[in-house]
């Protein structure tokens, strides 16, 4: 399944750790606090548990969304939808 992870994490150290966990899981950064990639259910569940252990649930916000390829292709991308320096060809191929 295609998975989006978006976050707003106040603590710099926790935010850095969450970004490293996302990268280690195989997700690709599409914006500074937004990752995209394909994971199976177990990988997604493990990622969720690991992120929960790193954040302060009282102040931080993390969203993990599932999306099908058809839904992704139906998304509108306006302006500079992705920072070209942060994404890979693999992420671009999910859109086109």
C-alpha atoms as a PDB file:
ATOM      1  CA  UNK A   1       0.000   0.000   0.000  1.00  0.00           C
ATOM      2  CA  UNK A   2       1.072   3.590  -0.550  1.00  0.00           C
ATOM      3  CA  UNK A   3       1.621   5.420   2.722  1.00  0.00           C
ATOM      4  CA  UNK A   4       1.921   9.130   3.468  1.00  0.00           C
ATOM      5  CA  UNK A   5       3.457  10.293   6.755  1.00  0.00           C
ATOM      6  CA  UNK A   6       3.006  13.965   7.649  1.00  0.00           C
ATOM      7  CA  UNK A   7       4.076  15.498  10.914  1.00  0.00           C
ATOM      8  CA  UNK A   8       4.408  18.631  12.997  1.00  0.00           C
ATOM      9  CA  UNK A   9       6.802  17.805  15.826  1.00  0.00           C
ATOM     10  CA  UNK A  10       8.006  20.548  18.158  1.00  0.00           C
ATOM     11  CA  UNK A  11      11.152  18.931  19.598  1.00  0.00           C
ATOM     12  CA  UNK A  12      14.087  19.016  17.160  1.00  0.00           C
ATOM     13  CA  UNK A  13      15.601  15.763  18.419  1.00  0.00           C
ATOM     14  CA  UNK A  14      12.304  13.844  18.173  1.00  0.00           C
ATOM     15  CA  UNK A  15      11.592  15.337  14.732  1.00  0.00           C
ATOM     16  CA  UNK A  16      15.011  14.243  13.475  1.00  0.00           C
ATOM     17  CA  UNK A  17      14.503  10.732  14.841  1.00  0.00           C
ATOM     18  CA  UNK A  18      11.069  10.435  13.208  1.00  0.00           C
ATOM     19  CA  UNK A  19      12.517  11.527   9.862  1.00  0.00           C
ATOM     20  CA  UNK A  20      15.299   8.928  10.188  1.00  0.00           C
ATOM     21  CA  UNK A  21      12.758   6.214  11.054  1.00  0.00           C
ATOM     22  CA  UNK A  22      10.702   7.126   7.980  1.00  0.00           C
ATOM     23  CA  UNK A  23      13.783   6.985   5.744  1.00  0.00           C
ATOM     24  CA  UNK A  24      14.945   3.715   7.325  1.00  0.00           C
ATOM     25  CA  UNK A  25      11.509   2.190   6.692  1.00  0.00           C
ATOM     26  CA  UNK A  26      11.927   2.966   2.998  1.00  0.00           C
ATOM     27  CA  UNK A  27       9.808   6.087   2.698  1.00  0.00           C
ATOM     28  CA  UNK A  28      10.988   9.010   0.593  1.00  0.00           C
ATOM     29  CA  UNK A  29      10.909  12.618   1.705  1.00  0.00           C
ATOM     30  CA  UNK A  30       8.700  14.730  -0.554  1.00  0.00           C
ATOM     31  CA  UNK A  31       8.729  17.810   1.689  1.00  0.00           C
ATOM     32  CA  UNK A  32      10.521  18.545   4.953  1.00  0.00           C
ATOM     33  CA  UNK A  33       7.831  16.982   7.141  1.00  0.00           C
ATOM     34  CA  UNK A  34       6.151  14.736   4.575  1.00  0.00           C
ATOM     35  CA  UNK A  35       7.173  11.247   3.476  1.00  0.00           C
ATOM     36  CA  UNK A  36       5.726   8.898   0.848  1.00  0.00           C
ATOM     37  CA  UNK A  37       6.358   5.300  -0.076  1.00  0.00           C
ATOM     38  CA  UNK A  38       5.047   1.778  -0.245  1.00  0.00           C
ATOM     39  CA  UNK A  39       4.817  -0.385   2.875  1.00  0.00           C
ATOM     40  CA  UNK A  40       3.027  -3.567   3.767  1.00  0.00           C
ATOM     41  CA  UNK A  41       0.664  -3.635   6.749  1.00  0.00           C
ATOM     42  CA  UNK A  42       3.289  -4.972   9.172  1.00  0.00           C
ATOM     43  CA  UNK A  43       5.821  -2.325   8.141  1.00  0.00           C
ATOM     44  CA  UNK A  44       3.199   0.408   8.552  1.00  0.00           C
ATOM     45  CA  UNK A  45       2.197  -0.897  11.990  1.00  0.00           C
ATOM     46  CA  UNK A  46       5.846  -1.075  13.094  1.00  0.00           C
ATOM     47  CA  UNK A  47       6.460   2.452  11.831  1.00  0.00           C
ATOM     48  CA  UNK A  48       3.438   3.719  13.737  1.00  0.00           C
ATOM     49  CA  UNK A  49       4.594   2.089  16.978  1.00  0.00           C
ATOM     50  CA  UNK A  50       8.104   3.446  16.598  1.00  0.00           C
ATOM     51  CA  UNK A  51       6.876   6.983  15.899  1.00  0.00           C
ATOM     52  CA  UNK A  52       4.505   6.802  18.887  1.00  0.00           C
ATOM     53  CA  UNK A  53       7.487   6.008  21.105  1.00  0.00           C
ATOM     54  CA  UNK A  54       9.387   9.083  19.874  1.00  0.00           C
ATOM     55  CA  UNK A  55       6.812  11.856  20.012  1.00  0.00           C
ATOM     56  CA  UNK A  56       5.046  13.787  22.741  1.00  0.00           C
ATOM     57  CA  UNK A  57       1.407  12.918  22.089  1.00  0.00           C
ATOM     58  CA  UNK A  58       0.295  15.980  24.060  1.00  0.00           C
ATOM     59  CA  UNK A  59       1.789  18.492  21.606  1.00  0.00           C
ATOM     60  CA  UNK A  60       2.998  16.718  18.442  1.00  0.00           C
ATOM     61  CA  UNK A  61       0.909  15.781  15.414  1.00  0.00           C
ATOM     62  CA  UNK A  62       1.614  12.834  13.110  1.00  0.00           C
ATOM     63  CA  UNK A  63      -0.675  11.641  10.330  1.00  0.00           C
ATOM     64  CA  UNK A  64      -0.237   8.307   8.571  1.00  0.00           C
ATOM     65  CA  UNK A  65      -2.493   7.872   5.542  1.00  0.00           C
ATOM     66  CA  UNK A  66      -3.002   4.848   3.303  1.00  0.00           C
ATOM     67  CA  UNK A  67      -3.668   5.482  -0.364  1.00  0.00           C
ATOM     68  CA  UNK A  68      -4.125   3.324  -3.441  1.00  0.00           C
ATOM     69  CA  UNK A  69      -2.220   4.000  -6.667  1.00  0.00           C
ATOM     70  CA  UNK A  70      -5.470   5.056  -8.354  1.00  0.00           C
ATOM     71  CA  UNK A  71      -6.203   7.533  -5.575  1.00  0.00           C
ATOM     72  CA  UNK A  72      -2.670   8.892  -5.813  1.00  0.00           C
ATOM     73  CA  UNK A  73      -2.966   9.356  -9.572  1.00  0.00           C
ATOM     74  CA  UNK A  74      -6.200  11.267  -8.965  1.00  0.00           C
ATOM     75  CA  UNK A  75      -4.506  13.796  -6.679  1.00  0.00           C
ATOM     76  CA  UNK A  76      -4.073  17.361  -7.871  1.00  0.00           C
ATOM     77  CA  UNK A  77      -0.575  18.764  -7.530  1.00  0.00           C
ATOM     78  CA  UNK A  78      -0.430  22.522  -7.836  1.00  0.00           C
ATOM     79  CA  UNK A  79       2.529  24.831  -8.189  1.00  0.00           C
ATOM     80  CA  UNK A  80       5.761  23.300  -7.019  1.00  0.00           C
ATOM     81  CA  UNK A  81       4.082  20.194  -5.635  1.00  0.00           C
ATOM     82  CA  UNK A  82       7.339  18.508  -4.659  1.00  0.00           C
ATOM     83  CA  UNK A  83      10.740  19.836  -3.776  1.00  0.00           C
ATOM     84  CA  UNK A  84      12.785  18.275  -6.584  1.00  0.00           C
ATOM     85  CA  UNK A  85      15.847  17.985  -4.320  1.00  0.00           C
ATOM     86  CA  UNK A  86      14.018  15.783  -1.817  1.00  0.00           C
ATOM     87  CA  UNK A  87      12.308  13.189  -3.986  1.00  0.00           C
ATOM     88  CA  UNK A  88      13.561  10.286  -6.050  1.00  0.00           C
ATOM     89  CA  UNK A  89      12.518   8.905  -9.404  1.00  0.00           C
ATOM     90  CA  UNK A  90      10.787   6.077  -7.544  1.00  0.00           C
ATOM     91  CA  UNK A  91       8.400   8.539  -5.883  1.00  0.00           C
ATOM     92  CA  UNK A  92       7.827  10.371  -9.178  1.00  0.00           C
ATOM     93  CA  UNK A  93       6.886   7.065 -10.825  1.00  0.00           C
ATOM     94  CA  UNK A  94       4.055   6.612  -8.305  1.00  0.00           C
ATOM     95  CA  UNK A  95       2.398   9.689  -9.805  1.00  0.00           C
ATOM     96  CA  UNK A  96       2.896   9.144 -13.507  1.00  0.00           C
END
